[in-house]
Amino acid sequence: MVTKKTETSTALSNWLDKHDMLERFHISARTLLTWRKLGLSCAKVKGKLYFKDTDVEVFLHDHLLNTRVA
């Protein structure tokens, strides 16, 4: 049987907070704000921003990886 704490930990492991985003992608807070303005979705819980890992992957693929000049 899975405990509630384990379920919560598993569910939250798919989410990155603002600090995780800044560290993982080596970006500034301003760059993260720009990404949000460009369409990166996030959830705000008790004043803290969270980004779903799959949403981040799709955003990076659509907005950053496809903008390379050949």
C-alpha atoms as a PDB file:
ATOM      1  CA  MET A   1       0.000   0.000   0.000  1.00  0.00           C
ATOM      2  CA  VAL A   2       1.294   3.452  -0.936  1.00  0.00           C
ATOM      3  CA  THR A   3       1.248   6.015   1.821  1.00  0.00           C
ATOM      4  CA  LYS A   4      -0.071   9.526   1.322  1.00  0.00           C
ATOM      5  CA  LYS A   5       3.421  10.974   1.826  1.00  0.00           C
ATOM      6  CA  THR A   6       4.810   8.735  -0.942  1.00  0.00           C
ATOM      7  CA  GLU A   7       1.972   9.710  -3.290  1.00  0.00           C
ATOM      8  CA  THR A   8       2.632  13.389  -2.624  1.00  0.00           C
ATOM      9  CA  SER A   9       6.369  12.983  -3.135  1.00  0.00           C
ATOM     10  CA  THR A  10       5.794  11.173  -6.422  1.00  0.00           C
ATOM     11  CA  ALA A  11       3.341  13.796  -7.646  1.00  0.00           C
ATOM     12  CA  LEU A  12       5.654  16.666  -6.730  1.00  0.00           C
ATOM     13  CA  SER A  13       8.667  15.031  -8.365  1.00  0.00           C
ATOM     14  CA  ASN A  14       7.177  16.008 -11.738  1.00  0.00           C
ATOM     15  CA  TRP A  15       7.202  19.698 -10.782  1.00  0.00           C
ATOM     16  CA  LEU A  16      10.079  22.175 -10.552  1.00  0.00           C
ATOM     17  CA  ASP A  17       9.938  25.286  -8.428  1.00  0.00           C
ATOM     18  CA  LYS A  18      11.422  28.610  -9.531  1.00  0.00           C
ATOM     19  CA  HIS A  19      14.745  27.887  -7.817  1.00  0.00           C
ATOM     20  CA  ASP A  20      14.986  24.468  -9.511  1.00  0.00           C
ATOM     21  CA  MET A  21      14.366  26.104 -12.906  1.00  0.00           C
ATOM     22  CA  LEU A  22      17.056  28.734 -12.382  1.00  0.00           C
ATOM     23  CA  GLU A  23      19.626  26.148 -11.329  1.00  0.00           C
ATOM     24  CA  ARG A  24      18.768  23.444 -13.855  1.00  0.00           C
ATOM     25  CA  PHE A  25      18.826  25.717 -16.896  1.00  0.00           C
ATOM     26  CA  HIS A  26      21.430  28.221 -15.646  1.00  0.00           C
ATOM     27  CA  ILE A  27      19.144  31.158 -16.313  1.00  0.00           C
ATOM     28  CA  SER A  28      18.309  34.377 -14.498  1.00  0.00           C
ATOM     29  CA  ALA A  29      14.977  35.194 -12.887  1.00  0.00           C
ATOM     30  CA  ARG A  30      14.409  37.695 -15.703  1.00  0.00           C
ATOM     31  CA  THR A  31      14.888  34.981 -18.352  1.00  0.00           C
ATOM     32  CA  LEU A  32      12.385  32.784 -16.549  1.00  0.00           C
ATOM     33  CA  LEU A  33       9.923  35.682 -16.549  1.00  0.00           C
ATOM     34  CA  THR A  34      10.480  36.104 -20.298  1.00  0.00           C
ATOM     35  CA  TRP A  35       9.824  32.387 -20.841  1.00  0.00           C
ATOM     36  CA  ARG A  36       6.576  32.742 -18.891  1.00  0.00           C
ATOM     37  CA  LYS A  37       5.564  35.685 -21.074  1.00  0.00           C
ATOM     38  CA  LEU A  38       6.336  33.566 -24.140  1.00  0.00           C
ATOM     39  CA  GLY A  39       3.904  30.907 -22.928  1.00  0.00           C
ATOM     40  CA  LEU A  40       5.638  28.665 -20.399  1.00  0.00           C
ATOM     41  CA  SER A  41       2.821  27.586 -18.119  1.00  0.00           C
ATOM     42  CA  CYS A  42       3.150  27.439 -14.365  1.00  0.00           C
ATOM     43  CA  ALA A  43       1.069  26.925 -11.269  1.00  0.00           C
ATOM     44  CA  LYS A  44       1.147  29.267  -8.313  1.00  0.00           C
ATOM     45  CA  VAL A  45       0.614  27.653  -4.921  1.00  0.00           C
ATOM     46  CA  LYS A  46       0.760  29.815  -1.804  1.00  0.00           C
ATOM     47  CA  GLY A  47       2.745  32.429  -3.711  1.00  0.00           C
ATOM     48  CA  LYS A  48       5.319  29.979  -5.062  1.00  0.00           C
ATOM     49  CA  LEU A  49       5.673  29.137  -8.762  1.00  0.00           C
ATOM     50  CA  TYR A  50       5.850  25.546  -9.980  1.00  0.00           C
ATOM     51  CA  PHE A  51       6.573  24.316 -13.498  1.00  0.00           C
ATOM     52  CA  LYS A  52       5.600  20.852 -14.746  1.00  0.00           C
ATOM     53  CA  ASP A  53       8.625  19.085 -16.211  1.00  0.00           C
ATOM     54  CA  THR A  54       6.769  17.977 -19.343  1.00  0.00           C
ATOM     55  CA  ASP A  55       5.503  21.533 -19.967  1.00  0.00           C
ATOM     56  CA  VAL A  56       9.056  22.844 -19.691  1.00  0.00           C
ATOM     57  CA  GLU A  57      10.298  20.216 -22.143  1.00  0.00           C
ATOM     58  CA  VAL A  58       7.598  21.100 -24.692  1.00  0.00           C
ATOM     59  CA  PHE A  59       8.236  24.830 -24.266  1.00  0.00           C
ATOM     60  CA  LEU A  60      11.982  24.465 -24.771  1.00  0.00           C
ATOM     61  CA  HIS A  61      11.456  22.310 -27.829  1.00  0.00           C
ATOM     62  CA  ASP A  62       8.890  24.645 -29.386  1.00  0.00           C
ATOM     63  CA  HIS A  63      10.403  28.017 -28.526  1.00  0.00           C
ATOM     64  CA  LEU A  64      14.118  27.593 -28.138  1.00  0.00           C
ATOM     65  CA  LEU A  65      15.337  24.514 -29.946  1.00  0.00           C
ATOM     66  CA  ASN A  66      13.429  25.353 -33.140  1.00  0.00           C
ATOM     67  CA  THR A  67      14.808  28.900 -33.365  1.00  0.00           C
ATOM     68  CA  ARG A  68      18.313  27.887 -34.432  1.00  0.00           C
ATOM     69  CA  VAL A  69      19.461  29.427 -37.665  1.00  0.00           C
ATOM     70  CA  ALA A  70      20.659  26.924 -40.264  1.00  0.00           C
END
